Amino acid sequence: MTDKLSDPPDPDNPEIEYSVHSGPHSHNGIEVEVSIFRLAGTNDEWTLEVENQLGGTTVWEDTFPTDDSAYSEFLATLAKDGIEQFIFDDPVVH
């Protein structure tokens, strides 16, 4: 029997690093889940995705150099268009 310190990376199921800005966000009784993420252990740019309570998602086509800039984009979109824009059944791309 051998002790394994860790499993080798699985290219079909890579680890994801989530920003501290990820999590639930609610306004006017509407809650969405904000996900800001990238491949773990990389310096890749950050992806921004917002999921509503119905499972519909909004994904930004552009990536962001920092998780702070991705979160700022979410807040700017929220201020401009309101949280109601995230209520839909079909995925939306920004």
PDB file of N, CA and C in Angstrom:
ATOM      1  N   MET A   1       0.849  -1.175   0.000  1.00  0.00           N
ATOM      2  CA  MET A   1       0.000   0.000   0.000  1.00  0.00           C
ATOM      3  C   MET A   1       0.896   1.240   0.000  1.00  0.00           C
ATOM      4  N   THR A   2       0.547   2.215  -0.832  1.00  0.00           N
ATOM      5  CA  THR A   2       1.323   3.446  -0.887  1.00  0.00           C
ATOM      6  C   THR A   2       0.441   4.625  -0.512  1.00  0.00           C
ATOM      7  N   ASP A   3       1.063   5.622   0.037  1.00  0.00           N
ATOM      8  CA  ASP A   3       0.353   6.863   0.345  1.00  0.00           C
ATOM      9  C   ASP A   3       0.507   7.798  -0.837  1.00  0.00           C
ATOM     10  N   LYS A   4      -0.576   8.348  -1.290  1.00  0.00           N
ATOM     11  CA  LYS A   4      -0.552   9.308  -2.377  1.00  0.00           C
ATOM     12  C   LYS A   4      -0.790  10.689  -1.805  1.00  0.00           C
ATOM     13  N   LEU A   5       0.098  11.613  -2.130  1.00  0.00           N
ATOM     14  CA  LEU A   5      -0.079  12.981  -1.641  1.00  0.00           C
ATOM     15  C   LEU A   5      -1.207  13.676  -2.370  1.00  0.00           C
ATOM     16  N   SER A   6      -1.305  13.455  -3.677  1.00  0.00           N
ATOM     17  CA  SER A   6      -2.388  14.075  -4.434  1.00  0.00           C
ATOM     18  C   SER A   6      -2.553  13.341  -5.749  1.00  0.00           C
ATOM     19  N   ASP A   7      -3.731  13.439  -6.305  1.00  0.00           N
ATOM     20  CA  ASP A   7      -4.002  12.852  -7.613  1.00  0.00           C
ATOM     21  C   ASP A   7      -3.405  13.746  -8.681  1.00  0.00           C
ATOM     22  N   PRO A   8      -2.977  13.158  -9.801  1.00  0.00           N
ATOM     23  CA  PRO A   8      -2.482  14.005 -10.895  1.00  0.00           C
ATOM     24  C   PRO A   8      -3.614  14.853 -11.454  1.00  0.00           C
ATOM     25  N   PRO A   9      -3.299  15.993 -12.044  1.00  0.00           N
ATOM     26  CA  PRO A   9      -4.336  16.841 -12.614  1.00  0.00           C
ATOM     27  C   PRO A   9      -5.125  16.086 -13.681  1.00  0.00           C
ATOM     28  N   ASP A  10      -6.406  16.304 -13.718  1.00  0.00           N
ATOM     29  CA  ASP A  10      -7.283  15.688 -14.707  1.00  0.00           C
ATOM     30  C   ASP A  10      -7.605  16.732 -15.772  1.00  0.00           C
ATOM     31  N   PRO A  11      -7.067  16.586 -16.993  1.00  0.00           N
ATOM     32  CA  PRO A  11      -7.301  17.602 -18.029  1.00  0.00           C
ATOM     33  C   PRO A  11      -8.766  17.723 -18.435  1.00  0.00           C
ATOM     34  N   ASP A  12      -9.567  16.669 -18.182  1.00  0.00           N
ATOM     35  CA  ASP A  12     -10.985  16.730 -18.521  1.00  0.00           C
ATOM     36  C   ASP A  12     -11.819  17.370 -17.419  1.00  0.00           C
ATOM     37  N   ASN A  13     -11.217  17.591 -16.264  1.00  0.00           N
ATOM     38  CA  ASN A  13     -11.931  18.180 -15.135  1.00  0.00           C
ATOM     39  C   ASN A  13     -10.972  19.082 -14.351  1.00  0.00           C
ATOM     40  N   PRO A  14     -10.544  20.211 -14.955  1.00  0.00           N
ATOM     41  CA  PRO A  14      -9.550  21.065 -14.297  1.00  0.00           C
ATOM     42  C   PRO A  14     -10.118  21.747 -13.047  1.00  0.00           C
ATOM     43  N   GLU A  15      -9.224  22.074 -12.135  1.00  0.00           N
ATOM     44  CA  GLU A  15      -9.629  22.791 -10.926  1.00  0.00           C
ATOM     45  C   GLU A  15      -9.896  24.252 -11.275  1.00  0.00           C
ATOM     46  N   ILE A  16     -10.886  24.805 -10.633  1.00  0.00           N
ATOM     47  CA  ILE A  16     -11.293  26.189 -10.864  1.00  0.00           C
ATOM     48  C   ILE A  16     -11.013  26.997  -9.605  1.00  0.00           C
ATOM     49  N   GLU A  17     -10.471  28.187  -9.795  1.00  0.00           N
ATOM     50  CA  GLU A  17     -10.243  29.136  -8.712  1.00  0.00           C
ATOM     51  C   GLU A  17     -11.345  30.184  -8.765  1.00  0.00           C
ATOM     52  N   TYR A  18     -12.053  30.376  -7.653  1.00  0.00           N
ATOM     53  CA  TYR A  18     -13.120  31.367  -7.580  1.00  0.00           C
ATOM     54  C   TYR A  18     -12.650  32.601  -6.825  1.00  0.00           C
ATOM     55  N   SER A  19     -13.079  33.746  -7.289  1.00  0.00           N
ATOM     56  CA  SER A  19     -12.768  35.019  -6.646  1.00  0.00           C
ATOM     57  C   SER A  19     -13.529  35.143  -5.332  1.00  0.00           C
ATOM     58  N   VAL A  20     -12.991  35.957  -4.445  1.00  0.00           N
ATOM     59  CA  VAL A  20     -13.694  36.267  -3.199  1.00  0.00           C
ATOM     60  C   VAL A  20     -14.976  37.053  -3.477  1.00  0.00           C
ATOM     61  N   HIS A  21     -15.094  37.619  -4.681  1.00  0.00           N
ATOM     62  CA  HIS A  21     -16.295  38.366  -5.051  1.00  0.00           C
ATOM     63  C   HIS A  21     -17.441  37.458  -5.493  1.00  0.00           C
ATOM     64  N   SER A  22     -17.163  36.181  -5.671  1.00  0.00           N
ATOM     65  CA  SER A  22     -18.198  35.227  -6.079  1.00  0.00           C
ATOM     66  C   SER A  22     -19.145  34.959  -4.923  1.00  0.00           C
ATOM     67  N   GLY A  23     -20.414  34.755  -5.268  1.00  0.00           N
ATOM     68  CA  GLY A  23     -21.397  34.421  -4.240  1.00  0.00           C
ATOM     69  C   GLY A  23     -22.738  35.044  -4.559  1.00  0.00           C
ATOM     70  N   PRO A  24     -23.692  34.875  -3.668  1.00  0.00           N
ATOM     71  CA  PRO A  24     -25.033  35.414  -3.903  1.00  0.00           C
ATOM     72  C   PRO A  24     -25.057  36.935  -3.815  1.00  0.00           C
ATOM     73  N   HIS A  25     -25.920  37.521  -4.630  1.00  0.00           N
ATOM     74  CA  HIS A  25     -26.116  38.972  -4.615  1.00  0.00           C
ATOM     75  C   HIS A  25     -27.619  39.200  -4.778  1.00  0.00           C
ATOM     76  N   SER A  26     -28.214  39.977  -3.892  1.00  0.00           N
ATOM     77  CA  SER A  26     -29.652  40.217  -4.004  1.00  0.00           C
ATOM     78  C   SER A  26     -29.954  41.710  -3.982  1.00  0.00           C
ATOM     79  N   HIS A  27     -31.034  42.035  -4.681  1.00  0.00           N
ATOM     80  CA  HIS A  27     -31.498  43.420  -4.760  1.00  0.00           C
ATOM     81  C   HIS A  27     -32.968  43.381  -5.143  1.00  0.00           C
ATOM     82  N   ASN A  28     -33.786  44.183  -4.496  1.00  0.00           N
ATOM     83  CA  ASN A  28     -35.218  44.245  -4.772  1.00  0.00           C
ATOM     84  C   ASN A  28     -35.884  42.868  -4.727  1.00  0.00           C
ATOM     85  N   GLY A  29     -35.432  42.008  -3.823  1.00  0.00           N
ATOM     86  CA  GLY A  29     -36.032  40.683  -3.671  1.00  0.00           C
ATOM     87  C   GLY A  29     -35.605  39.673  -4.720  1.00  0.00           C
ATOM     88  N   ILE A  30     -34.699  40.044  -5.591  1.00  0.00           N
ATOM     89  CA  ILE A  30     -34.204  39.139  -6.619  1.00  0.00           C
ATOM     90  C   ILE A  30     -32.781  38.741  -6.251  1.00  0.00           C
ATOM     91  N   GLU A  31     -32.518  37.433  -6.243  1.00  0.00           N
ATOM     92  CA  GLU A  31     -31.171  36.954  -5.912  1.00  0.00           C
ATOM     93  C   GLU A  31     -30.536  36.293  -7.129  1.00  0.00           C
ATOM     94  N   VAL A  32     -29.283  36.602  -7.355  1.00  0.00           N
ATOM     95  CA  VAL A  32     -28.493  35.974  -8.405  1.00  0.00           C
ATOM     96  C   VAL A  32     -27.204  35.445  -7.783  1.00  0.00           C
ATOM     97  N   GLU A  33     -26.576  34.519  -8.462  1.00  0.00           N
ATOM     98  CA  GLU A  33     -25.297  33.969  -8.026  1.00  0.00           C
ATOM     99  C   GLU A  33     -24.218  34.486  -8.963  1.00  0.00           C
ATOM    100  N   VAL A  34     -23.285  35.245  -8.421  1.00  0.00           N
ATOM    101  CA  VAL A  34     -22.184  35.801  -9.199  1.00  0.00           C
ATOM    102  C   VAL A  34     -21.002  34.845  -9.107  1.00  0.00           C
ATOM    103  N   SER A  35     -20.468  34.440 -10.269  1.00  0.00           N
ATOM    104  CA  SER A  35     -19.279  33.584 -10.310  1.00  0.00           C
ATOM    105  C   SER A  35     -18.193  34.293 -11.108  1.00  0.00           C
ATOM    106  N   ILE A  36     -17.074  34.502 -10.468  1.00  0.00           N
ATOM    107  CA  ILE A  36     -15.892  35.081 -11.110  1.00  0.00           C
ATOM    108  C   ILE A  36     -14.803  34.034 -10.910  1.00  0.00           C
ATOM    109  N   PHE A  37     -14.286  33.487 -12.022  1.00  0.00           N
ATOM    110  CA  PHE A  37     -13.406  32.335 -11.902  1.00  0.00           C
ATOM    111  C   PHE A  37     -12.382  32.256 -13.025  1.00  0.00           C
ATOM    112  N   ARG A  38     -11.378  31.400 -12.805  1.00  0.00           N
ATOM    113  CA  ARG A  38     -10.355  31.086 -13.802  1.00  0.00           C
ATOM    114  C   ARG A  38      -9.775  29.724 -13.445  1.00  0.00           C
ATOM    115  N   LEU A  39      -8.948  29.181 -14.327  1.00  0.00           N
ATOM    116  CA  LEU A  39      -8.287  27.917 -14.034  1.00  0.00           C
ATOM    117  C   LEU A  39      -7.332  28.109 -12.859  1.00  0.00           C
ATOM    118  N   ALA A  40      -7.386  27.221 -11.916  1.00  0.00           N
ATOM    119  CA  ALA A  40      -6.541  27.313 -10.725  1.00  0.00           C
ATOM    120  C   ALA A  40      -5.066  27.192 -11.095  1.00  0.00           C
ATOM    121  N   GLY A  41      -4.241  27.949 -10.397  1.00  0.00           N
ATOM    122  CA  GLY A  41      -2.807  27.878 -10.584  1.00  0.00           C
ATOM    123  C   GLY A  41      -2.296  28.560 -11.836  1.00  0.00           C
ATOM    124  N   THR A  42      -3.138  29.407 -12.448  1.00  0.00           N
ATOM    125  CA  THR A  42      -2.721  30.115 -13.656  1.00  0.00           C
ATOM    126  C   THR A  42      -2.813  31.619 -13.428  1.00  0.00           C
ATOM    127  N   ASN A  43      -2.297  32.347 -14.390  1.00  0.00           N
ATOM    128  CA  ASN A  43      -2.473  33.797 -14.411  1.00  0.00           C
ATOM    129  C   ASN A  43      -3.460  34.188 -15.495  1.00  0.00           C
ATOM    130  N   ASP A  44      -4.334  33.241 -15.873  1.00  0.00           N
ATOM    131  CA  ASP A  44      -5.359  33.518 -16.875  1.00  0.00           C
ATOM    132  C   ASP A  44      -6.247  34.658 -16.408  1.00  0.00           C
ATOM    133  N   GLU A  45      -6.921  35.267 -17.371  1.00  0.00           N
ATOM    134  CA  GLU A  45      -7.888  36.305 -17.015  1.00  0.00           C
ATOM    135  C   GLU A  45      -9.125  35.658 -16.395  1.00  0.00           C
ATOM    136  N   TRP A  46      -9.949  36.487 -15.791  1.00  0.00           N
ATOM    137  CA  TRP A  46     -11.123  36.044 -15.045  1.00  0.00           C
ATOM    138  C   TRP A  46     -12.372  36.066 -15.921  1.00  0.00           C
ATOM    139  N   THR A  47     -13.227  35.074 -15.746  1.00  0.00           N
ATOM    140  CA  THR A  47     -14.513  34.984 -16.428  1.00  0.00           C
ATOM    141  C   THR A  47     -15.597  35.422 -15.459  1.00  0.00           C
ATOM    142  N   LEU A  48     -16.597  36.133 -15.984  1.00  0.00           N
ATOM    143  CA  LEU A  48     -17.730  36.612 -15.177  1.00  0.00           C
ATOM    144  C   LEU A  48     -19.001  35.940 -15.664  1.00  0.00           C
ATOM    145  N   GLU A  49     -19.731  35.346 -14.740  1.00  0.00           N
ATOM    146  CA  GLU A  49     -20.993  34.682 -15.045  1.00  0.00           C
ATOM    147  C   GLU A  49     -21.988  34.983 -13.930  1.00  0.00           C
ATOM    148  N   VAL A  50     -23.241  35.226 -14.309  1.00  0.00           N
ATOM    149  CA  VAL A  50     -24.306  35.475 -13.332  1.00  0.00           C
ATOM    150  C   VAL A  50     -25.428  34.488 -13.611  1.00  0.00           C
ATOM    151  N   GLU A  51     -25.835  33.756 -12.575  1.00  0.00           N
ATOM    152  CA  GLU A  51     -26.918  32.782 -12.712  1.00  0.00           C
ATOM    153  C   GLU A  51     -28.116  33.242 -11.896  1.00  0.00           C
ATOM    154  N   ASN A  52     -29.316  33.154 -12.512  1.00  0.00           N
ATOM    155  CA  ASN A  52     -30.525  33.550 -11.795  1.00  0.00           C
ATOM    156  C   ASN A  52     -31.149  32.353 -11.086  1.00  0.00           C
ATOM    157  N   GLN A  53     -32.241  32.602 -10.388  1.00  0.00           N
ATOM    158  CA  GLN A  53     -32.898  31.564  -9.596  1.00  0.00           C
ATOM    159  C   GLN A  53     -33.544  30.488 -10.466  1.00  0.00           C
ATOM    160  N   LEU A  54     -33.762  30.765 -11.754  1.00  0.00           N
ATOM    161  CA  LEU A  54     -34.354  29.796 -12.663  1.00  0.00           C
ATOM    162  C   LEU A  54     -33.294  28.948 -13.364  1.00  0.00           C
ATOM    163  N   GLY A  55     -32.020  29.254 -13.130  1.00  0.00           N
ATOM    164  CA  GLY A  55     -30.937  28.522 -13.760  1.00  0.00           C
ATOM    165  C   GLY A  55     -30.427  29.157 -15.043  1.00  0.00           C
ATOM    166  N   GLY A  56     -31.014  30.290 -15.454  1.00  0.00           N
ATOM    167  CA  GLY A  56     -30.521  31.009 -16.627  1.00  0.00           C
ATOM    168  C   GLY A  56     -29.230  31.713 -16.287  1.00  0.00           C
ATOM    169  N   THR A  57     -28.333  31.804 -17.261  1.00  0.00           N
ATOM    170  CA  THR A  57     -27.047  32.440 -16.996  1.00  0.00           C
ATOM    171  C   THR A  57     -26.762  33.570 -17.979  1.00  0.00           C
ATOM    172  N   THR A  58     -26.029  34.536 -17.485  1.00  0.00           N
ATOM    173  CA  THR A  58     -25.470  35.604 -18.307  1.00  0.00           C
ATOM    174  C   THR A  58     -23.962  35.462 -18.210  1.00  0.00           C
ATOM    175  N   VAL A  59     -23.310  35.352 -19.370  1.00  0.00           N
ATOM    176  CA  VAL A  59     -21.864  35.175 -19.419  1.00  0.00           C
ATOM    177  C   VAL A  59     -21.276  36.303 -20.255  1.00  0.00           C
ATOM    178  N   TRP A  60     -20.232  36.930 -19.758  1.00  0.00           N
ATOM    179  CA  TRP A  60     -19.533  37.976 -20.498  1.00  0.00           C
ATOM    180  C   TRP A  60     -18.548  37.309 -21.446  1.00  0.00           C
ATOM    181  N   GLU A  61     -18.568  37.711 -22.729  1.00  0.00           N
ATOM    182  CA  GLU A  61     -17.626  37.172 -23.708  1.00  0.00           C
ATOM    183  C   GLU A  61     -16.196  37.597 -23.397  1.00  0.00           C
ATOM    184  N   ASP A  62     -16.039  38.833 -22.980  1.00  0.00           N
ATOM    185  CA  ASP A  62     -14.716  39.330 -22.633  1.00  0.00           C
ATOM    186  C   ASP A  62     -14.308  38.800 -21.266  1.00  0.00           C
ATOM    187  N   THR A  63     -13.020  38.566 -21.103  1.00  0.00           N
ATOM    188  CA  THR A  63     -12.495  38.201 -19.796  1.00  0.00           C
ATOM    189  C   THR A  63     -11.876  39.447 -19.174  1.00  0.00           C
ATOM    190  N   PHE A  64     -11.477  39.342 -17.929  1.00  0.00           N
ATOM    191  CA  PHE A  64     -11.021  40.503 -17.167  1.00  0.00           C
ATOM    192  C   PHE A  64      -9.642  40.229 -16.574  1.00  0.00           C
ATOM    193  N   PRO A  65      -8.772  41.242 -16.576  1.00  0.00           N
ATOM    194  CA  PRO A  65      -7.412  41.030 -16.076  1.00  0.00           C
ATOM    195  C   PRO A  65      -7.349  40.741 -14.574  1.00  0.00           C
ATOM    196  N   THR A  66      -8.329  41.244 -13.834  1.00  0.00           N
ATOM    197  CA  THR A  66      -8.366  41.004 -12.381  1.00  0.00           C
ATOM    198  C   THR A  66      -9.788  40.636 -11.972  1.00  0.00           C
ATOM    199  N   ASP A  67      -9.900  39.970 -10.847  1.00  0.00           N
ATOM    200  CA  ASP A  67     -11.237  39.651 -10.342  1.00  0.00           C
ATOM    201  C   ASP A  67     -11.959  40.921  -9.905  1.00  0.00           C
ATOM    202  N   ASP A  68     -11.203  41.919  -9.443  1.00  0.00           N
ATOM    203  CA  ASP A  68     -11.810  43.202  -9.077  1.00  0.00           C
ATOM    204  C   ASP A  68     -12.453  43.875 -10.289  1.00  0.00           C
ATOM    205  N   SER A  69     -11.785  43.819 -11.439  1.00  0.00           N
ATOM    206  CA  SER A  69     -12.347  44.449 -12.635  1.00  0.00           C
ATOM    207  C   SER A  69     -13.586  43.693 -13.116  1.00  0.00           C
ATOM    208  N   ALA A  70     -13.613  42.376 -12.959  1.00  0.00           N
ATOM    209  CA  ALA A  70     -14.806  41.603 -13.312  1.00  0.00           C
ATOM    210  C   ALA A  70     -15.975  41.984 -12.398  1.00  0.00           C
ATOM    211  N   TYR A  71     -15.693  42.111 -11.110  1.00  0.00           N
ATOM    212  CA  TYR A  71     -16.749  42.486 -10.163  1.00  0.00           C
ATOM    213  C   TYR A  71     -17.236  43.913 -10.421  1.00  0.00           C
ATOM    214  N   SER A  72     -16.333  44.802 -10.762  1.00  0.00           N
ATOM    215  CA  SER A  72     -16.718  46.177 -11.097  1.00  0.00           C
ATOM    216  C   SER A  72     -17.635  46.198 -12.311  1.00  0.00           C
ATOM    217  N   GLU A  73     -17.358  45.337 -13.284  1.00  0.00           N
ATOM    218  CA  GLU A  73     -18.226  45.236 -14.468  1.00  0.00           C
ATOM    219  C   GLU A  73     -19.614  44.748 -14.082  1.00  0.00           C
ATOM    220  N   PHE A  74     -19.692  43.760 -13.198  1.00  0.00           N
ATOM    221  CA  PHE A  74     -20.988  43.287 -12.714  1.00  0.00           C
ATOM    222  C   PHE A  74     -21.749  44.428 -12.044  1.00  0.00           C
ATOM    223  N   LEU A  75     -21.080  45.157 -11.156  1.00  0.00           N
ATOM    224  CA  LEU A  75     -21.740  46.261 -10.440  1.00  0.00           C
ATOM    225  C   LEU A  75     -22.167  47.367 -11.400  1.00  0.00           C
ATOM    226  N   ALA A  76     -21.351  47.676 -12.402  1.00  0.00           N
ATOM    227  CA  ALA A  76     -21.695  48.706 -13.386  1.00  0.00           C
ATOM    228  C   ALA A  76     -22.914  48.277 -14.207  1.00  0.00           C
ATOM    229  N   THR A  77     -22.946  47.007 -14.597  1.00  0.00           N
ATOM    230  CA  THR A  77     -24.089  46.485 -15.351  1.00  0.00           C
ATOM    231  C   THR A  77     -25.345  46.525 -14.491  1.00  0.00           C
ATOM    232  N   LEU A  78     -25.203  46.172 -13.235  1.00  0.00           N
ATOM    233  CA  LEU A  78     -26.323  46.202 -12.293  1.00  0.00           C
ATOM    234  C   LEU A  78     -26.855  47.623 -12.134  1.00  0.00           C
ATOM    235  N   ALA A  79     -25.964  48.591 -11.989  1.00  0.00           N
ATOM    236  CA  ALA A  79     -26.371  49.991 -11.819  1.00  0.00           C
ATOM    237  C   ALA A  79     -27.035  50.522 -13.087  1.00  0.00           C
ATOM    238  N   LYS A  80     -26.530  50.128 -14.233  1.00  0.00           N
ATOM    239  CA  LYS A  80     -27.061  50.634 -15.504  1.00  0.00           C
ATOM    240  C   LYS A  80     -28.388  49.988 -15.885  1.00  0.00           C
ATOM    241  N   ASP A  81     -28.467  48.655 -15.764  1.00  0.00           N
ATOM    242  CA  ASP A  81     -29.614  47.909 -16.295  1.00  0.00           C
ATOM    243  C   ASP A  81     -30.526  47.318 -15.230  1.00  0.00           C
ATOM    244  N   GLY A  82     -30.097  47.314 -13.970  1.00  0.00           N
ATOM    245  CA  GLY A  82     -30.905  46.740 -12.891  1.00  0.00           C
ATOM    246  C   GLY A  82     -30.770  45.234 -12.820  1.00  0.00           C
ATOM    247  N   ILE A  83     -31.094  44.693 -11.657  1.00  0.00           N
ATOM    248  CA  ILE A  83     -30.985  43.242 -11.456  1.00  0.00           C
ATOM    249  C   ILE A  83     -32.035  42.488 -12.251  1.00  0.00           C
ATOM    250  N   GLU A  84     -33.107  43.174 -12.627  1.00  0.00           N
ATOM    251  CA  GLU A  84     -34.183  42.530 -13.375  1.00  0.00           C
ATOM    252  C   GLU A  84     -33.717  41.971 -14.716  1.00  0.00           C
ATOM    253  N   GLN A  85     -32.660  42.541 -15.271  1.00  0.00           N
ATOM    254  CA  GLN A  85     -32.157  42.058 -16.555  1.00  0.00           C
ATOM    255  C   GLN A  85     -31.691  40.607 -16.491  1.00  0.00           C
ATOM    256  N   PHE A  86     -31.419  40.115 -15.288  1.00  0.00           N
ATOM    257  CA  PHE A  86     -30.930  38.759 -15.146  1.00  0.00           C
ATOM    258  C   PHE A  86     -32.052  37.717 -15.013  1.00  0.00           C
ATOM    259  N   ILE A  87     -33.320  38.167 -15.053  1.00  0.00           N
ATOM    260  CA  ILE A  87     -34.440  37.242 -14.919  1.00  0.00           C
ATOM    261  C   ILE A  87     -34.875  36.778 -16.304  1.00  0.00           C
ATOM    262  N   PHE A  88     -34.548  35.552 -16.635  1.00  0.00           N
ATOM    263  CA  PHE A  88     -34.889  34.963 -17.935  1.00  0.00           C
ATOM    264  C   PHE A  88     -34.590  33.474 -17.845  1.00  0.00           C
ATOM    265  N   ASP A  89     -35.028  32.715 -18.830  1.00  0.00           N
ATOM    266  CA  ASP A  89     -34.786  31.279 -18.852  1.00  0.00           C
ATOM    267  C   ASP A  89     -33.600  30.897 -19.732  1.00  0.00           C
ATOM    268  N   ASP A  90     -33.308  31.685 -20.745  1.00  0.00           N
ATOM    269  CA  ASP A  90     -32.272  31.350 -21.704  1.00  0.00           C
ATOM    270  C   ASP A  90     -30.962  32.057 -21.379  1.00  0.00           C
ATOM    271  N   PRO A  91     -29.840  31.405 -21.706  1.00  0.00           N
ATOM    272  CA  PRO A  91     -28.544  32.052 -21.482  1.00  0.00           C
ATOM    273  C   PRO A  91     -28.394  33.343 -22.299  1.00  0.00           C
ATOM    274  N   VAL A  92     -27.683  34.292 -21.719  1.00  0.00           N
ATOM    275  CA  VAL A  92     -27.428  35.571 -22.373  1.00  0.00           C
ATOM    276  C   VAL A  92     -25.912  35.774 -22.373  1.00  0.00           C
ATOM    277  N   VAL A  93     -25.396  36.353 -23.450  1.00  0.00           N
ATOM    278  CA  VAL A  93     -23.973  36.657 -23.534  1.00  0.00           C
ATOM    279  C   VAL A  93     -23.805  38.159 -23.595  1.00  0.00           C
ATOM    280  N   HIS A  94     -22.895  38.692 -22.799  1.00  0.00           N
ATOM    281  CA  HIS A  94     -22.585  40.124 -22.827  1.00  0.00           C
ATOM    282  C   HIS A  94     -21.340  40.343 -23.632  1.00  0.00           C
TER     283      HIS A  94
END
